[in-house]
Amino acid sequence: MKTVCWLYPARDVTPEEREVDWPTEPSFKAIRALLDPIFLKRPWEHVSVLIEGRRADMFVDESGHLAGLPRNEAATALYRANWMTRHPDADPESIPWIAGVAVLFERIIWT
């Protein structure tokens, strides 16, 4: 199954769109094989996001803040969108931000 994912670099740069052959329910080993080279074997974590009103999976640098990686504005906006949709009066800066690279999939892949 072809799946689209987007690589969001750490700086404000247009995300790089990639199409990957991807099983409907990939194993952790398959997810790791795709993500480890992108994150340079740094630890990554899964976060759920909303894109176009539906849930999707995004993976972010788990220790990006501790490593002093730059704020990823595009990934941070995606990460915060669900909360802000449900809590429009909230201060977006009260929600954690994403540091470093992020990888967004067009659908749920982490089951």
Protein backbone atom coordinates (compact mmCIF):
# COMPACT_ATOMS: atom_id res chain seq x y z
CA MET A 1 0.00 0.00 0.00
CA LYS A 2 1.41 3.40 -0.95
CA THR A 3 1.48 5.83 1.94
CA VAL A 4 2.51 9.47 1.89
CA CYS A 5 4.64 10.89 4.65
CA TRP A 6 6.18 14.31 5.10
CA LEU A 7 9.57 15.07 6.55
CA TYR A 8 9.47 18.33 8.47
CA PRO A 9 13.03 19.63 8.87
CA ALA A 10 13.90 21.46 12.07
CA ARG A 11 14.01 24.86 10.38
CA ASP A 12 11.15 26.67 8.67
CA VAL A 13 11.50 24.89 5.34
CA THR A 14 8.84 23.39 3.12
CA PRO A 15 8.24 19.79 4.19
CA GLU A 16 9.61 17.10 1.92
CA GLU A 17 6.86 14.77 0.67
CA ARG A 18 7.75 11.11 0.28
CA GLU A 19 5.73 8.15 -0.89
CA VAL A 20 6.60 4.81 0.67
CA ASP A 21 5.42 1.26 0.15
CA TRP A 22 3.94 0.59 3.52
CA PRO A 23 1.91 -2.27 4.97
CA THR A 24 -1.53 -1.49 6.37
CA GLU A 25 -0.24 -2.32 9.85
CA PRO A 26 3.56 -2.02 9.83
CA SER A 27 5.59 -3.75 12.50
CA PHE A 28 7.70 -1.79 14.95
CA LYS A 29 10.74 -3.13 13.10
CA ALA A 30 9.47 -1.61 9.82
CA ILE A 31 8.70 1.73 11.48
CA ARG A 32 12.12 1.77 13.09
CA ALA A 33 13.83 0.92 9.76
CA LEU A 34 12.22 3.97 8.17
CA LEU A 35 12.65 6.42 11.06
CA ASP A 36 16.08 5.60 12.49
CA PRO A 37 18.01 6.99 9.49
CA ILE A 38 15.90 10.16 9.53
CA PHE A 39 16.43 10.72 13.26
CA LEU A 40 20.08 9.65 12.99
CA LYS A 41 19.36 6.88 15.49
CA ARG A 42 18.33 9.43 18.13
CA PRO A 43 15.29 8.32 20.17
CA TRP A 44 11.97 9.25 18.62
CA GLU A 45 8.43 9.19 19.94
CA HIS A 46 4.93 8.88 18.53
CA VAL A 47 2.33 11.64 18.79
CA SER A 48 -1.20 11.70 17.40
CA VAL A 49 -2.21 14.73 15.34
CA LEU A 50 -5.16 15.91 13.29
CA ILE A 51 -4.80 16.67 9.60
CA GLU A 52 -7.84 17.76 7.66
CA GLY A 53 -10.07 16.67 10.55
CA ARG A 54 -8.78 13.11 10.81
CA ARG A 55 -6.23 11.47 13.08
CA ALA A 56 -2.76 10.79 11.73
CA ASP A 57 0.56 9.73 13.22
CA MET A 58 3.60 11.91 13.63
CA PHE A 59 6.99 10.96 15.03
CA VAL A 60 9.24 13.52 16.70
CA ASP A 61 12.67 13.66 18.32
CA GLU A 62 12.13 12.42 21.87
CA SER A 63 15.00 14.39 23.37
CA GLY A 64 15.14 17.33 20.98
CA HIS A 65 14.60 19.87 23.76
CA LEU A 66 17.40 18.40 25.89
CA ALA A 67 19.73 18.35 22.88
CA GLY A 68 19.02 22.03 22.18
CA LEU A 69 17.53 21.35 18.74
CA PRO A 70 15.67 24.25 17.13
CA ARG A 71 11.93 24.68 17.40
CA ASN A 72 10.06 23.14 14.47
CA GLU A 73 7.25 25.63 13.84
CA ALA A 74 5.35 23.56 11.27
CA ALA A 75 5.40 20.37 13.36
CA THR A 76 4.50 22.34 16.50
CA ALA A 77 1.44 23.81 14.76
CA LEU A 78 0.31 20.33 13.71
CA TYR A 79 0.88 18.97 17.19
CA ARG A 80 -1.09 21.78 18.84
CA ALA A 81 -3.98 21.87 16.34
CA ASN A 82 -6.11 19.18 18.00
CA TRP A 83 -5.97 20.83 21.41
CA MET A 84 -6.60 24.29 19.99
CA THR A 85 -9.62 23.04 18.01
CA ARG A 86 -11.22 21.83 21.23
CA HIS A 87 -9.93 24.71 23.41
CA PRO A 88 -9.87 27.81 21.19
CA ASP A 89 -9.29 30.17 24.12
CA ALA A 90 -6.17 28.33 25.29
CA ASP A 91 -2.76 29.93 24.98
CA PRO A 92 -0.94 27.88 22.32
CA GLU A 93 2.38 28.56 24.05
CA SER A 94 1.11 26.64 27.10
CA ILE A 95 1.26 23.46 24.97
CA PRO A 96 4.67 21.79 24.43
CA TRP A 97 6.51 22.52 21.18
CA ILE A 98 8.42 20.19 18.87
CA ALA A 99 12.21 20.44 18.68
CA GLY A 100 14.07 19.03 15.70
CA VAL A 101 12.85 16.92 12.82
CA ALA A 102 9.35 15.43 12.59
CA VAL A 103 7.82 12.84 10.27
CA LEU A 104 4.08 12.99 9.57
CA PHE A 105 2.13 10.14 7.98
CA GLU A 106 -1.12 10.74 6.14
CA ARG A 107 -2.86 8.10 8.25
CA ILE A 108 -2.62 6.06 11.42
CA ILE A 109 0.26 3.60 11.22
CA TRP A 110 0.98 3.02 14.93
CA THR A 111 -1.43 0.42 16.24
